[in-house]
Amino acid sequence: MLLVWLALLLLAGLSLVHREALCVVGEAVGEWGPAGRGRMSVADRSSQGNLSVLTGLESVAPLEEVDPSLAEGHSVLYDREVPFEMRAEGAGMEGGAGRELVGSMEGIKVKILTLGDEFALQQIRVELSSENDLFFHFTHALEEASYVSVQAQQKLMASFNEYPNIMIKMLNACIKDSASHLAVFIMHQDGSARLDFIQNMEYKFVELLSCHFIPSPEDIIRRHITYRYSALKHRNHLLQQRLQVPLSPSSSRHLLFGLALH
């Protein structure tokens, strides 16, 4: 009989924590609570502030002032991981040198940076990096003068200022539907590479855009590795600081409930 009463008390306690957690999840972050409850008390705002500290750990931004990508005054326009089909040219193969080896799919971090005003761009730079290989770093850079030849060779209708948005559209299409939109990265024997955007039309493959990439210099690669290490170290430091923030009793119950869900 005592065990039954203990079980009932435990269920009642979990139910109370569950209701409180649902209230916190359902409420918007800010000074006001749900409709009909009016302005939140100081204690409620403190409790919710503690929760935002715990849930905001993944949104810590790196130290942008030391990011090597921004050293020349560029602005980040796009920064996402995109599925690439990685290929490499091989010599001594049947069919001769230059034949492409079919590779595997890999998530490559693509960063598009622009220099200058939005309507008067001076340079567009695309950087590729990989979490699996710290020394993998390629760059594709274009100015308006060099874009003219690319535009003529590939019969592009877009202007230089529209070029970044075209790339973003194609990259997002590869993320959304990797079966019909392919990003194929081909590494040549001389160290350079080419990124081809290909659309699967079911009856044929159509090449939409091709971008030439060169490997980044060793000093640039070292700077990026140092930056990524420093950013990770900075995140860990903030994580340790935030985990030391004292929690109110209500926040402690919410935290325990969140840990129980996982």
Protein backbone atom coordinates (compact mmCIF):
# COMPACT_ATOMS: atom_id res chain seq x y z
CA MET A 1 0.00 0.00 0.00
CA LEU A 2 2.88 2.36 0.79
CA LEU A 3 4.41 1.68 -2.61
CA VAL A 4 1.12 2.56 -4.31
CA TRP A 5 0.96 5.92 -2.49
CA LEU A 6 4.57 6.66 -3.43
CA ALA A 7 3.83 5.88 -7.08
CA LEU A 8 0.81 8.19 -7.06
CA LEU A 9 2.84 11.03 -5.52
CA LEU A 10 5.57 10.56 -8.13
CA LEU A 11 3.04 10.67 -10.98
CA ALA A 12 1.45 13.81 -9.56
CA GLY A 13 4.88 15.49 -9.31
CA LEU A 14 5.77 14.60 -12.90
CA SER A 15 2.40 15.88 -14.09
CA LEU A 16 3.01 19.22 -12.37
CA VAL A 17 6.47 19.56 -13.91
CA HIS A 18 5.03 18.61 -17.32
CA ARG A 19 2.37 21.33 -17.11
CA GLU A 20 4.94 23.93 -16.06
CA ALA A 21 7.28 22.93 -18.87
CA LEU A 22 4.48 23.18 -21.44
CA CYS A 23 3.64 26.67 -20.17
CA VAL A 24 7.23 27.79 -20.60
CA VAL A 25 7.48 26.28 -24.09
CA GLY A 26 4.19 27.84 -25.14
CA GLU A 27 5.04 31.34 -23.89
CA ALA A 28 6.93 33.78 -26.10
CA VAL A 29 10.25 35.04 -24.83
CA GLY A 30 9.72 38.54 -23.53
CA GLU A 31 7.97 40.54 -20.87
CA TRP A 32 4.42 39.37 -21.63
CA GLY A 33 2.97 35.97 -20.85
CA PRO A 34 0.17 34.15 -22.67
CA ALA A 35 -2.99 35.97 -23.67
CA GLY A 36 -5.20 36.63 -20.67
CA ARG A 37 -2.43 36.41 -18.08
CA GLY A 38 -1.09 39.96 -18.44
CA ARG A 39 2.42 41.14 -17.64
CA MET A 40 4.83 38.52 -16.32
CA SER A 41 6.19 38.90 -12.82
CA VAL A 42 9.87 39.54 -12.09
CA ALA A 43 10.24 35.97 -10.85
CA ASP A 44 8.69 34.60 -14.05
CA ARG A 45 10.97 36.71 -16.24
CA SER A 46 13.99 35.56 -14.21
CA SER A 47 12.94 31.95 -14.62
CA GLN A 48 12.43 32.35 -18.33
CA GLY A 49 15.76 34.17 -18.63
CA ASN A 50 17.52 31.21 -17.04
CA LEU A 51 15.83 28.91 -19.51
CA SER A 52 16.92 31.08 -22.45
CA VAL A 53 20.50 30.76 -21.22
CA LEU A 54 20.21 26.99 -21.37
CA THR A 55 18.44 26.82 -24.75
CA GLY A 56 20.58 29.43 -26.46
CA LEU A 57 23.90 27.61 -26.21
CA GLU A 58 23.92 26.55 -29.87
CA SER A 59 23.36 30.10 -31.12
CA VAL A 60 26.73 31.38 -29.89
CA ALA A 61 28.39 33.13 -32.83
CA PRO A 62 32.13 32.82 -33.44
CA LEU A 63 34.45 35.79 -33.10
CA GLU A 64 33.75 37.44 -36.44
CA GLU A 65 36.40 40.12 -35.99
CA VAL A 66 39.14 37.49 -36.39
CA ASP A 67 37.49 35.44 -39.15
CA PRO A 68 40.04 35.22 -42.00
CA SER A 69 37.19 35.31 -44.52
CA LEU A 70 36.35 38.86 -43.42
CA ALA A 71 39.91 40.17 -43.21
CA GLU A 72 39.63 42.12 -46.49
CA GLY A 73 36.29 43.71 -45.68
CA HIS A 74 33.98 41.08 -47.16
CA SER A 75 30.49 40.36 -45.83
CA VAL A 76 29.03 36.88 -45.45
CA LEU A 77 26.03 36.41 -47.72
CA TYR A 78 25.62 32.64 -47.43
CA ASP A 79 26.97 30.02 -45.04
CA ARG A 80 25.52 26.50 -45.20
CA GLU A 81 26.54 22.89 -45.55
CA VAL A 82 25.63 21.50 -48.96
CA PRO A 83 25.78 17.86 -50.17
CA PHE A 84 28.51 17.55 -52.82
CA GLU A 85 29.39 14.60 -55.01
CA MET A 86 33.17 14.48 -54.72
CA ARG A 87 35.12 13.26 -57.73
CA ALA A 88 38.81 13.16 -58.67
CA GLU A 89 40.58 12.83 -61.97
CA GLY A 90 42.91 9.85 -62.22
CA ALA A 91 45.84 9.12 -64.50
CA GLY A 92 46.78 5.64 -65.75
CA MET A 93 43.12 4.62 -65.97
CA GLU A 94 41.48 2.88 -68.85
CA GLY A 95 40.24 5.65 -71.09
CA GLY A 96 43.26 7.90 -70.49
CA ALA A 97 44.21 10.65 -68.09
CA GLY A 98 41.56 13.11 -67.08
CA ARG A 99 38.81 10.56 -66.68
CA GLU A 100 36.68 11.28 -63.63
CA LEU A 101 36.43 8.81 -60.78
CA VAL A 102 32.95 8.56 -59.33
CA GLY A 103 33.21 9.53 -55.69
CA SER A 104 30.94 9.70 -52.68
CA MET A 105 28.57 12.26 -51.21
CA GLU A 106 29.99 14.60 -48.59
CA GLY A 107 28.70 17.63 -46.75
CA ILE A 108 30.78 20.66 -47.75
CA LYS A 109 30.49 24.00 -46.02
CA VAL A 110 29.87 26.71 -48.60
CA LYS A 111 30.48 30.35 -47.70
CA ILE A 112 29.63 33.13 -50.17
CA LEU A 113 31.19 36.51 -49.45
CA THR A 114 30.73 39.84 -51.19
CA LEU A 115 32.84 42.98 -51.23
CA GLY A 116 31.22 46.33 -51.91
CA ASP A 117 27.69 47.66 -52.01
CA GLU A 118 24.79 45.34 -52.73
CA PHE A 119 24.04 47.11 -56.02
CA ALA A 120 27.70 47.75 -56.93
CA LEU A 121 29.67 44.64 -56.00
CA GLN A 122 33.42 44.71 -56.37
CA GLN A 123 34.14 41.04 -55.79
CA ILE A 124 32.33 37.77 -55.14
CA ARG A 125 34.20 35.00 -53.34
CA VAL A 126 33.07 31.46 -52.61
CA GLU A 127 34.94 29.40 -50.02
CA LEU A 128 34.61 25.64 -49.59
CA SER A 129 35.70 23.81 -46.46
CA SER A 130 35.09 20.43 -44.86
CA GLU A 131 34.62 19.24 -41.30
CA ASN A 132 36.19 15.91 -42.28
CA ASP A 133 39.41 17.46 -43.60
CA LEU A 134 40.77 20.63 -42.00
CA PHE A 135 43.16 21.15 -44.93
CA PHE A 136 40.39 21.08 -47.53
CA HIS A 137 39.89 24.71 -48.54
CA PHE A 138 39.11 25.97 -52.06
CA THR A 139 38.29 29.45 -53.33
CA HIS A 140 36.32 30.79 -56.29
CA ALA A 141 36.67 34.56 -56.79
CA LEU A 142 35.25 36.83 -59.47
CA GLU A 143 35.34 40.56 -60.21
CA GLU A 144 33.04 42.25 -62.69
CA ALA A 145 35.75 42.26 -65.39
CA SER A 146 36.49 38.53 -65.04
CA TYR A 147 32.77 37.73 -64.90
CA VAL A 148 32.31 39.00 -68.47
CA SER A 149 34.26 36.05 -69.93
CA VAL A 150 32.43 33.56 -67.68
CA GLN A 151 29.10 35.08 -68.73
CA ALA A 152 30.00 34.73 -72.40
CA GLN A 153 31.37 31.18 -72.14
CA GLN A 154 28.40 29.81 -70.20
CA LYS A 155 25.78 32.00 -71.86
CA LEU A 156 24.53 33.42 -68.58
CA MET A 157 21.72 35.98 -68.69
CA ALA A 158 22.32 37.35 -65.18
CA SER A 159 24.42 40.40 -64.38
CA PHE A 160 27.42 40.35 -62.04
CA ASN A 161 25.32 41.66 -59.12
CA GLU A 162 22.81 38.83 -59.65
CA TYR A 163 25.46 36.12 -59.75
CA PRO A 164 25.53 35.45 -55.94
CA ASN A 165 21.75 34.97 -55.83
CA ILE A 166 21.96 32.48 -58.70
CA MET A 167 24.52 30.43 -56.80
CA ILE A 168 22.45 30.59 -53.62
CA LYS A 169 19.38 29.39 -55.50
CA MET A 170 21.29 26.43 -56.95
CA LEU A 171 22.91 25.51 -53.64
CA ASN A 172 19.56 25.56 -51.84
CA ALA A 173 18.08 23.40 -54.59
CA CYS A 174 20.84 20.84 -53.98
CA ILE A 175 19.96 20.82 -50.28
CA LYS A 176 16.22 20.58 -50.84
CA ASP A 177 16.23 17.98 -53.63
CA SER A 178 19.60 16.28 -54.07
CA ALA A 179 18.08 13.72 -56.46
CA SER A 180 17.26 16.22 -59.20
CA HIS A 181 19.82 18.94 -58.41
CA LEU A 182 23.44 17.87 -58.10
CA ALA A 183 26.56 19.71 -57.02
CA VAL A 184 29.52 17.79 -58.45
CA PHE A 185 32.98 18.82 -57.28
CA ILE A 186 35.76 17.55 -59.54
CA MET A 187 39.37 17.81 -58.33
CA HIS A 188 41.97 17.95 -61.11
CA GLN A 189 45.48 16.56 -60.99
CA ASP A 190 47.05 20.05 -61.04
CA GLY A 191 45.33 20.90 -57.73
CA SER A 192 42.54 23.04 -59.17
CA ALA A 193 38.90 21.99 -59.10
CA ARG A 194 35.57 22.59 -60.77
CA LEU A 195 32.09 22.76 -59.28
CA ASP A 196 29.31 21.78 -61.67
CA PHE A 197 25.65 22.38 -60.94
CA ILE A 198 23.67 19.73 -62.78
CA GLN A 199 19.94 19.20 -63.05
CA ASN A 200 18.51 15.74 -63.60
CA MET A 201 15.75 16.09 -66.21
CA GLU A 202 14.95 12.34 -66.03
CA TYR A 203 15.82 11.86 -69.69
CA LYS A 204 19.16 13.76 -69.56
CA PHE A 205 21.51 15.70 -67.30
CA VAL A 206 21.74 19.43 -67.94
CA GLU A 207 24.72 21.47 -66.73
CA LEU A 208 23.44 24.77 -65.38
CA LEU A 209 26.61 26.43 -64.12
CA SER A 210 30.30 25.62 -63.75
CA CYS A 211 32.66 27.37 -61.32
CA HIS A 212 36.45 27.17 -61.28
CA PHE A 213 38.13 26.75 -57.88
CA ILE A 214 41.74 26.96 -56.78
CA PRO A 215 43.24 25.56 -53.54
CA SER A 216 43.80 28.22 -50.92
CA PRO A 217 47.42 29.07 -49.99
CA GLU A 218 48.90 27.28 -46.99
CA ASP A 219 49.03 30.41 -44.85
CA ILE A 220 45.31 31.03 -45.46
CA ILE A 221 44.51 27.42 -44.55
CA ARG A 222 46.52 27.74 -41.34
CA ARG A 223 44.66 30.93 -40.44
CA HIS A 224 41.31 29.23 -41.00
CA ILE A 225 42.31 26.22 -38.89
CA THR A 226 43.47 28.54 -36.10
CA TYR A 227 40.22 30.50 -36.31
CA ARG A 228 38.05 27.39 -36.17
CA TYR A 229 39.99 26.12 -33.16
CA SER A 230 39.71 29.51 -31.41
CA ALA A 231 35.97 29.72 -32.16
CA LEU A 232 35.42 26.23 -30.74
CA LYS A 233 37.44 27.12 -27.67
CA HIS A 234 35.38 30.32 -27.28
CA ARG A 235 32.10 28.38 -27.49
CA ASN A 236 33.29 25.89 -24.88
CA HIS A 237 34.29 28.75 -22.58
CA LEU A 238 30.85 30.38 -22.91
CA LEU A 239 29.20 27.02 -22.35
CA GLN A 240 31.06 26.54 -19.10
CA GLN A 241 30.15 30.06 -17.97
CA ARG A 242 26.47 29.67 -18.79
CA LEU A 243 26.20 26.31 -17.09
CA GLN A 244 27.41 28.02 -13.90
CA VAL A 245 24.49 30.50 -13.94
CA PRO A 246 22.38 29.86 -10.80
CA LEU A 247 18.91 28.57 -11.57
CA SER A 248 15.72 29.40 -9.74
CA PRO A 249 13.76 26.46 -8.27
CA SER A 250 11.23 26.67 -11.11
CA SER A 251 14.01 26.61 -13.74
CA SER A 252 15.60 23.62 -12.01
CA ARG A 253 12.36 21.66 -12.36
CA HIS A 254 12.14 22.61 -16.04
CA LEU A 255 15.74 21.53 -16.59
CA LEU A 256 15.12 18.18 -14.92
CA PHE A 257 12.06 17.67 -17.07
CA GLY A 258 14.07 18.45 -20.23
CA LEU A 259 16.77 16.00 -19.23
CA ALA A 260 14.12 13.34 -18.55
CA LEU A 261 12.76 13.78 -22.08
CA HIS A 262 16.22 13.03 -23.53
